[in-house]
Protein backbone atom coordinates (compact mmCIF):
# COMPACT_ATOMS: atom_id res chain seq x y z
CA MET A 1 -18.79 -34.60 -14.91
CA SER A 2 -20.82 -35.69 -11.88
CA GLU A 3 -21.46 -32.18 -9.42
CA PRO A 4 -19.85 -34.04 -6.52
CA ALA A 5 -16.96 -34.59 -8.29
CA ARG A 6 -16.85 -30.86 -9.41
CA SER A 7 -17.44 -29.31 -6.14
CA SER A 8 -14.11 -32.44 -4.93
CA ARG A 9 -12.04 -30.29 -7.93
CA SER A 10 -13.49 -26.95 -7.23
CA ALA A 11 -12.81 -27.52 -3.55
CA THR A 12 -8.97 -28.47 -3.90
CA ALA A 13 -8.08 -25.93 -6.54
CA ALA A 14 -9.40 -23.70 -3.59
CA LEU A 15 -7.23 -24.92 -1.38
CA ALA A 16 -4.26 -24.86 -3.49
CA ARG A 17 -4.16 -21.47 -4.32
CA PHE A 18 -4.67 -20.95 -0.33
CA VAL A 19 -1.89 -23.13 0.52
CA ARG A 20 0.34 -21.69 -2.59
CA VAL A 21 0.43 -17.76 -1.68
CA PRO A 22 3.60 -17.98 0.31
CA PHE A 23 5.40 -19.02 -3.22
CA ARG A 24 4.30 -16.35 -5.31
CA ARG A 25 6.48 -13.78 -6.35
CA GLN A 26 3.53 -11.20 -6.59
CA THR A 27 3.00 -11.93 -2.54
CA TYR A 28 6.29 -10.74 -2.24
CA ARG A 29 5.68 -8.01 -4.43
CA ASN A 30 2.16 -6.40 -2.65
CA LEU A 31 4.10 -7.12 1.01
CA ALA A 32 7.33 -4.75 -0.32
CA TYR A 33 4.38 -2.54 -2.29
CA LEU A 34 2.26 -2.26 1.21
CA LEU A 35 5.65 -1.38 3.85
CA LEU A 36 6.19 1.55 1.04
CA ALA A 37 3.11 2.89 1.30
CA PHE A 38 3.98 4.11 5.05
CA PRO A 39 7.07 6.09 4.70
CA LEU A 40 6.00 7.14 1.43
CA GLY A 41 2.72 8.17 2.11
CA ALA A 42 3.87 10.17 5.27
CA ALA A 43 6.89 11.81 3.09
CA TYR A 44 4.51 13.08 0.46
CA PHE A 45 1.97 14.81 3.08
CA VAL A 46 4.63 15.98 5.26
CA VAL A 47 6.26 18.24 1.72
CA ILE A 48 2.99 19.03 0.81
CA THR A 49 1.26 20.39 3.87
CA THR A 50 4.13 22.16 5.00
CA GLY A 51 5.21 23.73 1.27
CA LEU A 52 1.75 24.75 1.23
CA SER A 53 1.07 26.24 4.36
CA THR A 54 4.82 28.06 4.49
CA GLY A 55 3.63 29.38 0.99
CA LEU A 56 0.11 30.44 2.02
CA GLY A 57 1.80 31.82 4.56
CA LEU A 58 4.02 34.19 2.77
CA VAL A 59 1.33 34.51 -0.20
CA VAL A 60 0.83 38.68 0.49
CA THR A 61 4.86 39.25 0.58
CA LEU A 62 3.90 37.49 -3.22
CA LEU A 63 7.22 35.45 -2.00
CA GLY A 64 4.13 32.28 -0.95
CA VAL A 65 2.85 32.02 -4.78
CA PRO A 66 6.15 30.68 -6.10
CA ILE A 67 6.14 27.98 -2.88
CA VAL A 68 2.55 27.30 -3.74
CA ALA A 69 3.03 26.53 -7.30
CA GLY A 70 6.07 24.48 -6.69
CA THR A 71 4.13 22.59 -3.69
CA LEU A 72 1.11 22.11 -6.34
CA ALA A 73 3.82 21.20 -9.01
CA ALA A 74 5.72 18.53 -6.86
CA THR A 75 2.08 16.77 -6.64
CA LEU A 76 2.47 16.43 -10.80
CA GLY A 77 5.63 14.29 -10.06
CA ILE A 78 4.20 12.03 -7.03
CA GLY A 79 1.70 10.90 -8.87
CA SER A 80 3.82 10.16 -11.99
CA LEU A 81 6.36 8.32 -8.95
CA GLU A 82 2.67 6.62 -7.72
CA ALA A 83 1.82 5.51 -11.45
CA ARG A 84 5.07 3.57 -11.96
CA LEU A 85 5.48 2.24 -8.89
CA ALA A 86 1.76 0.35 -8.86
CA GLY A 87 2.95 -0.80 -12.81
CA ARG A 88 6.29 -2.33 -10.95
CA LEU A 89 4.83 -3.88 -7.67
CA LEU A 90 1.70 -4.94 -8.60
CA ASP A 91 1.06 -4.69 -12.00
CA VAL A 92 -1.57 -2.33 -12.06
CA ASP A 93 -1.46 -0.35 -15.33
CA VAL A 94 -1.98 3.28 -15.09
CA ASP A 95 -3.15 4.51 -18.19
CA ARG A 96 -2.32 7.86 -17.23
CA PRO A 97 -1.18 10.83 -19.92
CA ALA A 98 2.29 12.51 -18.72
CA PRO A 99 1.40 16.17 -17.72
CA ASP A 100 2.57 18.65 -19.74
CA VAL A 101 2.91 21.63 -17.87
CA GLU A 102 6.04 23.94 -17.68
CA VAL A 103 7.69 24.99 -14.72
CA ALA A 104 9.47 28.11 -14.66
CA PHE A 105 10.49 31.19 -12.40
CA GLY A 106 12.82 33.64 -13.53
CA SER A 107 10.96 36.14 -13.72
CA VAL A 108 7.35 37.43 -12.51
CA ASP A 109 5.45 37.08 -15.47
CA GLU A 110 6.52 32.97 -15.44
CA ILE A 111 5.55 33.30 -12.16
CA VAL A 112 2.31 33.41 -13.16
CA ALA A 113 2.00 31.98 -16.29
CA THR A 114 3.64 28.57 -14.00
CA THR A 115 0.73 29.41 -11.44
CA LYS A 116 -1.42 29.53 -13.73
CA ARG A 117 -0.92 26.09 -15.62
CA VAL A 118 -0.32 23.99 -12.38
CA VAL A 119 -3.95 25.40 -11.18
CA THR A 120 -5.57 24.39 -13.60
CA THR A 121 -4.34 21.02 -14.08
CA ARG A 122 -6.75 18.42 -13.26
CA ALA A 123 -3.61 16.00 -12.47
CA THR A 124 -2.38 18.50 -9.86
CA TRP A 125 -5.33 18.19 -7.88
CA THR A 126 -5.54 14.58 -8.24
CA GLY A 127 -2.56 13.90 -7.39
CA LEU A 128 -3.01 16.58 -4.22
CA LEU A 129 -6.10 14.30 -3.71
CA LEU A 130 -3.62 10.95 -3.91
CA VAL A 131 -1.52 12.54 -0.97
CA GLY A 132 -4.08 12.64 1.07
CA VAL A 133 -5.43 9.31 0.52
CA LYS A 134 -1.89 7.64 0.14
CA PHE A 135 -0.92 9.10 3.88
CA VAL A 136 -3.84 7.03 5.18
CA PHE A 137 -2.82 3.84 3.44
CA GLY A 138 0.33 3.69 4.47
CA ILE A 139 -0.79 3.95 7.85
CA VAL A 140 -3.35 1.07 7.11
CA ALA A 141 -1.14 -1.08 5.49
CA PHE A 142 2.26 -0.43 8.13
CA THR A 143 -0.63 -1.73 10.83
CA ALA A 144 -1.95 -4.25 9.22
CA VAL A 145 1.60 -6.04 8.17
CA VAL A 146 3.35 -5.58 11.66
CA ALA A 147 -0.59 -6.99 13.05
CA ALA A 148 -0.20 -9.87 10.67
CA GLY A 149 3.62 -10.18 11.08
CA THR A 150 3.76 -10.40 15.02
CA THR A 151 1.05 -12.40 15.37
CA SER A 152 2.30 -15.15 12.66
CA ALA A 153 5.50 -14.94 14.53
CA ALA A 154 4.35 -15.65 17.86
CA LEU A 155 1.87 -18.70 17.26
CA LEU A 156 4.65 -20.15 15.04
CA ALA A 157 7.35 -19.86 17.76
CA LEU A 158 4.74 -21.42 20.57
CA PRO A 159 6.54 -25.01 20.38
CA VAL A 160 9.95 -23.59 20.72
CA LEU A 161 9.04 -20.60 23.61
CA TYR A 162 6.05 -22.25 25.23
CA ASP A 163 7.92 -23.64 28.10
CA ALA A 164 10.89 -20.83 28.04
CA SER A 165 11.56 -19.29 31.85
CA GLY A 166 9.30 -16.01 31.81
CA VAL A 167 7.24 -16.52 28.90
CA SER A 168 3.79 -17.14 29.04
CA TYR A 169 1.22 -18.00 26.50
CA THR A 170 -2.35 -18.17 26.15
CA LEU A 171 -5.16 -18.45 23.34
CA GLY A 172 -7.90 -16.60 24.68
CA PRO A 173 -8.74 -18.64 27.81
CA TYR A 174 -6.75 -21.37 27.34
CA VAL A 175 -3.16 -21.13 28.88
CA VAL A 176 -0.24 -22.95 26.74
CA ASP A 177 1.84 -25.20 28.27
CA THR A 178 2.22 -28.30 27.07
CA LEU A 179 3.91 -29.66 23.73
CA ALA A 180 1.00 -30.78 22.03
CA GLU A 181 -1.13 -27.03 22.85
CA ALA A 182 1.84 -25.52 21.19
CA ALA A 183 1.45 -27.95 17.78
CA VAL A 184 -2.01 -26.86 17.64
CA GLY A 185 -1.45 -23.09 18.36
CA ALA A 186 1.79 -23.35 15.69
CA GLY A 187 -0.58 -25.09 13.15
CA CYS A 188 -3.18 -22.11 14.18
CA GLY A 189 -0.71 -19.93 13.52
CA VAL A 190 0.69 -21.50 9.82
CA VAL A 191 -3.30 -21.43 8.85
CA PHE A 192 -3.46 -17.34 10.49
CA LEU A 193 -0.05 -16.62 7.84
CA LEU A 194 -1.62 -17.86 5.28
CA GLY A 195 -4.79 -15.89 5.63
CA SER A 196 -2.72 -12.99 6.10
CA LEU A 197 -0.93 -13.38 3.42
CA HIS A 198 -4.27 -13.62 1.14
CA ALA A 199 -5.51 -10.28 3.31
CA LEU A 200 -2.34 -8.50 2.67
CA ASN A 201 -2.86 -9.13 -1.08
CA GLY A 202 -6.26 -7.82 -1.07
CA LEU A 203 -5.35 -4.90 0.17
CA ALA A 204 -2.40 -4.28 -2.04
CA ARG A 205 -4.77 -4.79 -4.49
CA VAL A 206 -7.27 -1.76 -3.18
CA GLY A 207 -4.26 0.33 -3.42
CA GLY A 208 -3.53 -0.09 -6.43
CA ALA A 209 -7.00 0.26 -7.56
CA LEU A 210 -7.04 3.61 -5.66
CA THR A 211 -3.90 5.20 -7.50
CA SER A 212 -5.63 4.11 -10.50
CA ALA A 213 -9.20 5.27 -9.95
CA LEU A 214 -7.04 8.82 -8.79
CA LEU A 215 -5.04 8.95 -11.42
CA GLY A 216 -7.74 8.48 -13.66
CA GLY A 217 -6.59 5.48 -16.28
CA PRO A 218 -8.22 1.71 -16.02
CA THR A 219 -6.86 -1.10 -13.85
CA THR A 220 -5.47 -3.94 -15.10
CA ALA A 221 -3.70 -5.68 -11.61
CA ALA A 222 -2.22 -8.60 -10.87
CA THR A 223 -4.01 -11.09 -8.61
CA GLY A 224 -1.24 -12.44 -6.79
CA ASP A 225 -2.32 -16.05 -8.33
CA ALA A 226 0.53 -16.05 -10.54
CA ASP A 227 3.79 -17.96 -9.96
CA ALA A 228 5.75 -15.92 -11.92
């Protein structure tokens, strides 16, 4: 096959991949992962920071020790939840051995033993780091999804709203006041939406890779190209 023919086929295949992104199931799994990242990240952060600050504040009374140990132990559950979430929504295989940490607070000896097990388990600290990363990632993901969604919706609505009473559309220095200009703007909106979905797919893969790296497993991730 000649070089021009190969280049033409490659360009056609790339264009087809670009256009098919809204018709892939994985795209919407990725969006679900990104939308869940913010509330989950915020919840993790509030629970862990509240537990640690309360426990450390009470540590001189010894009541703080089980609070701190229990809060750190909660990071193990968070890590397991995030591993399952990445597997279900992103097809990211996080090869994470289940932490074998027995938690018991029935007596002083059990409290001491539990605290020792939790503090000396590597998964506790990777889970704690994951909480911080998830909080920041959730903010970035939420901002990206909202910005992409609102911009795309505004552009796609141009043909309907460009001449509505009290509505003024501008694209850069240009004021949209004719149907032809509105149609061009809507066409730009289609391209922007497709590009945004690809970018959000990439952001979701970054989130899966971060989860896998922090939890200590190799990453096998869906690219978003599958139609299943």
